[in-house]
């Protein structure tokens, strides 16, 4: 998928003026993609989440309690 098409989807059918609904649409889209890609998709999501959690834990340890890094 090209970046242009990806942005069209983000700004089109996945967009919503109320942020909670947009987040829900993005979450459901992510689940659909993971389900469609099977074990490889599940592993990729797990790896991404593990990396994010490690970064958040590192920043919390360095800076003390606070907001996670995005």
N, C-alpha and C. Protein backbone atom coordinates (compact mmCIF):
# COMPACT_ATOMS: atom_id res chain seq x y z
N UNK A 1 0.86 -1.18 0.00
CA UNK A 1 0.00 0.00 0.00
C UNK A 1 0.90 1.24 0.00
N UNK A 2 0.55 2.17 -0.84
CA UNK A 2 1.34 3.40 -0.89
C UNK A 2 1.00 4.29 0.30
N UNK A 3 1.91 5.19 0.62
CA UNK A 3 1.65 6.16 1.69
C UNK A 3 0.43 7.01 1.35
N UNK A 4 0.31 7.35 0.07
CA UNK A 4 -0.83 8.17 -0.35
C UNK A 4 -2.16 7.46 -0.07
N UNK A 5 -2.24 6.18 -0.43
CA UNK A 5 -3.48 5.43 -0.20
C UNK A 5 -3.73 5.26 1.29
N UNK A 6 -2.68 5.00 2.06
CA UNK A 6 -2.82 4.86 3.50
C UNK A 6 -3.40 6.13 4.11
N UNK A 7 -2.88 7.27 3.70
CA UNK A 7 -3.39 8.55 4.19
C UNK A 7 -4.82 8.81 3.75
N UNK A 8 -5.17 8.38 2.53
CA UNK A 8 -6.56 8.51 2.08
C UNK A 8 -7.50 7.73 3.00
N UNK A 9 -7.10 6.54 3.40
CA UNK A 9 -7.93 5.72 4.30
C UNK A 9 -8.01 6.36 5.69
N UNK A 10 -6.86 6.85 6.19
CA UNK A 10 -6.86 7.50 7.50
C UNK A 10 -7.75 8.74 7.52
N UNK A 11 -7.71 9.50 6.45
CA UNK A 11 -8.47 10.74 6.38
C UNK A 11 -9.87 10.55 5.80
N UNK A 12 -10.19 9.34 5.37
CA UNK A 12 -11.49 9.05 4.79
C UNK A 12 -12.32 8.17 5.71
N UNK A 13 -12.46 6.88 5.36
CA UNK A 13 -13.35 5.99 6.11
C UNK A 13 -12.96 5.75 7.57
N UNK A 14 -11.69 5.94 7.91
CA UNK A 14 -11.28 5.74 9.31
C UNK A 14 -11.39 7.01 10.14
N UNK A 15 -11.59 8.15 9.49
CA UNK A 15 -11.66 9.43 10.20
C UNK A 15 -13.03 9.61 10.85
N UNK A 16 -13.05 10.36 11.92
CA UNK A 16 -14.29 10.73 12.61
C UNK A 16 -13.99 12.01 13.38
N UNK A 17 -14.92 12.95 13.41
CA UNK A 17 -14.65 14.22 14.11
C UNK A 17 -14.47 14.07 15.62
N UNK A 18 -15.01 13.00 16.20
CA UNK A 18 -14.85 12.78 17.64
C UNK A 18 -13.74 11.76 17.86
N UNK A 19 -12.69 12.17 18.55
CA UNK A 19 -11.49 11.36 18.71
C UNK A 19 -11.77 9.95 19.25
N UNK A 20 -12.64 9.76 20.25
CA UNK A 20 -12.87 8.38 20.72
C UNK A 20 -13.38 7.45 19.62
N UNK A 21 -14.21 7.98 18.72
CA UNK A 21 -14.72 7.15 17.64
C UNK A 21 -13.63 6.86 16.60
N UNK A 22 -12.76 7.83 16.36
CA UNK A 22 -11.66 7.59 15.43
C UNK A 22 -10.72 6.53 16.00
N UNK A 23 -10.43 6.60 17.29
CA UNK A 23 -9.57 5.60 17.92
C UNK A 23 -10.21 4.21 17.82
N UNK A 24 -11.53 4.14 18.02
CA UNK A 24 -12.23 2.86 17.89
C UNK A 24 -12.11 2.33 16.47
N UNK A 25 -12.30 3.19 15.47
CA UNK A 25 -12.18 2.76 14.08
C UNK A 25 -10.77 2.27 13.78
N UNK A 26 -9.77 2.96 14.27
CA UNK A 26 -8.38 2.54 14.06
C UNK A 26 -8.10 1.21 14.76
N UNK A 27 -8.63 1.04 15.95
CA UNK A 27 -8.43 -0.21 16.68
C UNK A 27 -9.07 -1.38 15.96
N UNK A 28 -10.28 -1.18 15.44
CA UNK A 28 -10.96 -2.25 14.71
C UNK A 28 -10.23 -2.56 13.39
N UNK A 29 -9.69 -1.53 12.75
CA UNK A 29 -8.92 -1.75 11.52
C UNK A 29 -7.66 -2.56 11.83
N UNK A 30 -6.98 -2.22 12.92
CA UNK A 30 -5.78 -2.96 13.32
C UNK A 30 -6.13 -4.42 13.59
N UNK A 31 -7.21 -4.67 14.29
CA UNK A 31 -7.62 -6.05 14.57
C UNK A 31 -7.91 -6.81 13.28
N UNK A 32 -8.59 -6.16 12.33
CA UNK A 32 -8.90 -6.81 11.06
C UNK A 32 -7.62 -7.19 10.31
N UNK A 33 -6.63 -6.31 10.33
CA UNK A 33 -5.37 -6.59 9.65
C UNK A 33 -4.63 -7.73 10.36
N UNK A 34 -4.57 -7.69 11.68
CA UNK A 34 -3.90 -8.75 12.43
C UNK A 34 -4.59 -10.08 12.19
N UNK A 35 -5.92 -10.10 12.22
CA UNK A 35 -6.65 -11.34 11.98
C UNK A 35 -6.39 -11.87 10.56
N UNK A 36 -6.29 -10.97 9.59
CA UNK A 36 -6.09 -11.38 8.20
C UNK A 36 -4.69 -11.91 7.95
N UNK A 37 -3.73 -11.48 8.75
CA UNK A 37 -2.34 -11.90 8.51
C UNK A 37 -1.93 -13.10 9.35
N UNK A 38 -2.82 -13.56 10.21
CA UNK A 38 -2.55 -14.77 10.98
C UNK A 38 -1.43 -14.61 12.00
N UNK A 39 -0.66 -15.68 12.17
CA UNK A 39 0.38 -15.73 13.20
C UNK A 39 1.43 -14.64 13.01
N UNK A 40 1.80 -14.34 11.76
CA UNK A 40 2.80 -13.30 11.51
C UNK A 40 2.31 -11.94 11.99
N UNK A 41 1.03 -11.66 11.78
CA UNK A 41 0.46 -10.40 12.26
C UNK A 41 0.40 -10.33 13.77
N UNK A 42 0.02 -11.44 14.38
CA UNK A 42 -0.02 -11.50 15.84
C UNK A 42 1.38 -11.27 16.42
N UNK A 43 2.36 -11.93 15.83
CA UNK A 43 3.74 -11.79 16.31
C UNK A 43 4.24 -10.36 16.14
N UNK A 44 3.89 -9.73 15.01
CA UNK A 44 4.32 -8.35 14.77
C UNK A 44 3.69 -7.41 15.79
N UNK A 45 2.41 -7.60 16.09
CA UNK A 45 1.74 -6.75 17.08
C UNK A 45 2.34 -6.96 18.46
N UNK A 46 2.58 -8.21 18.83
CA UNK A 46 3.20 -8.50 20.13
C UNK A 46 4.58 -7.85 20.24
N UNK A 47 5.38 -7.95 19.17
CA UNK A 47 6.72 -7.37 19.18
C UNK A 47 6.64 -5.85 19.30
N UNK A 48 5.72 -5.23 18.58
CA UNK A 48 5.57 -3.77 18.65
C UNK A 48 5.17 -3.35 20.07
N UNK A 49 4.22 -4.06 20.63
CA UNK A 49 3.76 -3.71 21.99
C UNK A 49 4.86 -3.94 23.02
N UNK A 50 5.64 -5.00 22.86
CA UNK A 50 6.75 -5.27 23.78
C UNK A 50 7.76 -4.14 23.73
N UNK A 51 8.08 -3.69 22.49
CA UNK A 51 9.04 -2.59 22.33
C UNK A 51 8.51 -1.30 22.96
N UNK A 52 7.23 -0.99 22.73
CA UNK A 52 6.63 0.22 23.32
C UNK A 52 6.67 0.15 24.84
N UNK A 53 6.32 -1.01 25.39
CA UNK A 53 6.31 -1.17 26.84
C UNK A 53 7.71 -1.01 27.41
N UNK A 54 8.70 -1.57 26.72
CA UNK A 54 10.09 -1.43 27.17
C UNK A 54 10.52 0.03 27.17
N UNK A 55 10.16 0.78 26.11
CA UNK A 55 10.49 2.20 26.06
C UNK A 55 9.79 2.97 27.18
N UNK A 56 8.52 2.68 27.40
CA UNK A 56 7.77 3.35 28.46
C UNK A 56 8.39 3.05 29.82
N UNK A 57 8.75 1.79 30.05
CA UNK A 57 9.36 1.41 31.32
C UNK A 57 10.70 2.11 31.50
N UNK A 58 11.48 2.19 30.44
CA UNK A 58 12.78 2.85 30.50
C UNK A 58 12.61 4.33 30.85
N UNK A 59 11.68 5.00 30.20
CA UNK A 59 11.47 6.42 30.45
C UNK A 59 10.92 6.66 31.86
N UNK A 60 10.08 5.76 32.34
CA UNK A 60 9.57 5.89 33.71
C UNK A 60 10.70 5.74 34.71
N UNK A 61 11.59 4.77 34.47
CA UNK A 61 12.71 4.55 35.38
C UNK A 61 13.64 5.76 35.39
N UNK A 62 13.86 6.36 34.21
CA UNK A 62 14.80 7.48 34.09
C UNK A 62 14.20 8.77 34.63
N UNK A 63 12.94 9.00 34.39
CA UNK A 63 12.30 10.26 34.73
C UNK A 63 11.37 10.19 35.93
N UNK A 64 11.13 9.03 36.42
CA UNK A 64 10.13 8.86 37.47
C UNK A 64 8.76 8.72 36.84
N UNK A 65 7.72 8.60 37.63
CA UNK A 65 6.38 8.43 37.09
C UNK A 65 6.01 9.59 36.17
N UNK A 66 5.31 9.26 35.14
CA UNK A 66 4.89 10.29 34.21
C UNK A 66 4.16 9.69 33.03
N UNK A 67 3.88 10.52 32.05
CA UNK A 67 3.18 10.07 30.87
C UNK A 67 4.10 9.21 30.00
N UNK A 68 3.56 8.19 29.34
CA UNK A 68 4.38 7.40 28.43
C UNK A 68 4.81 8.24 27.23
N UNK A 69 5.88 7.81 26.59
CA UNK A 69 6.38 8.48 25.40
C UNK A 69 5.67 7.92 24.19
N UNK A 70 5.19 8.79 23.29
CA UNK A 70 4.44 8.32 22.12
C UNK A 70 5.26 8.42 20.87
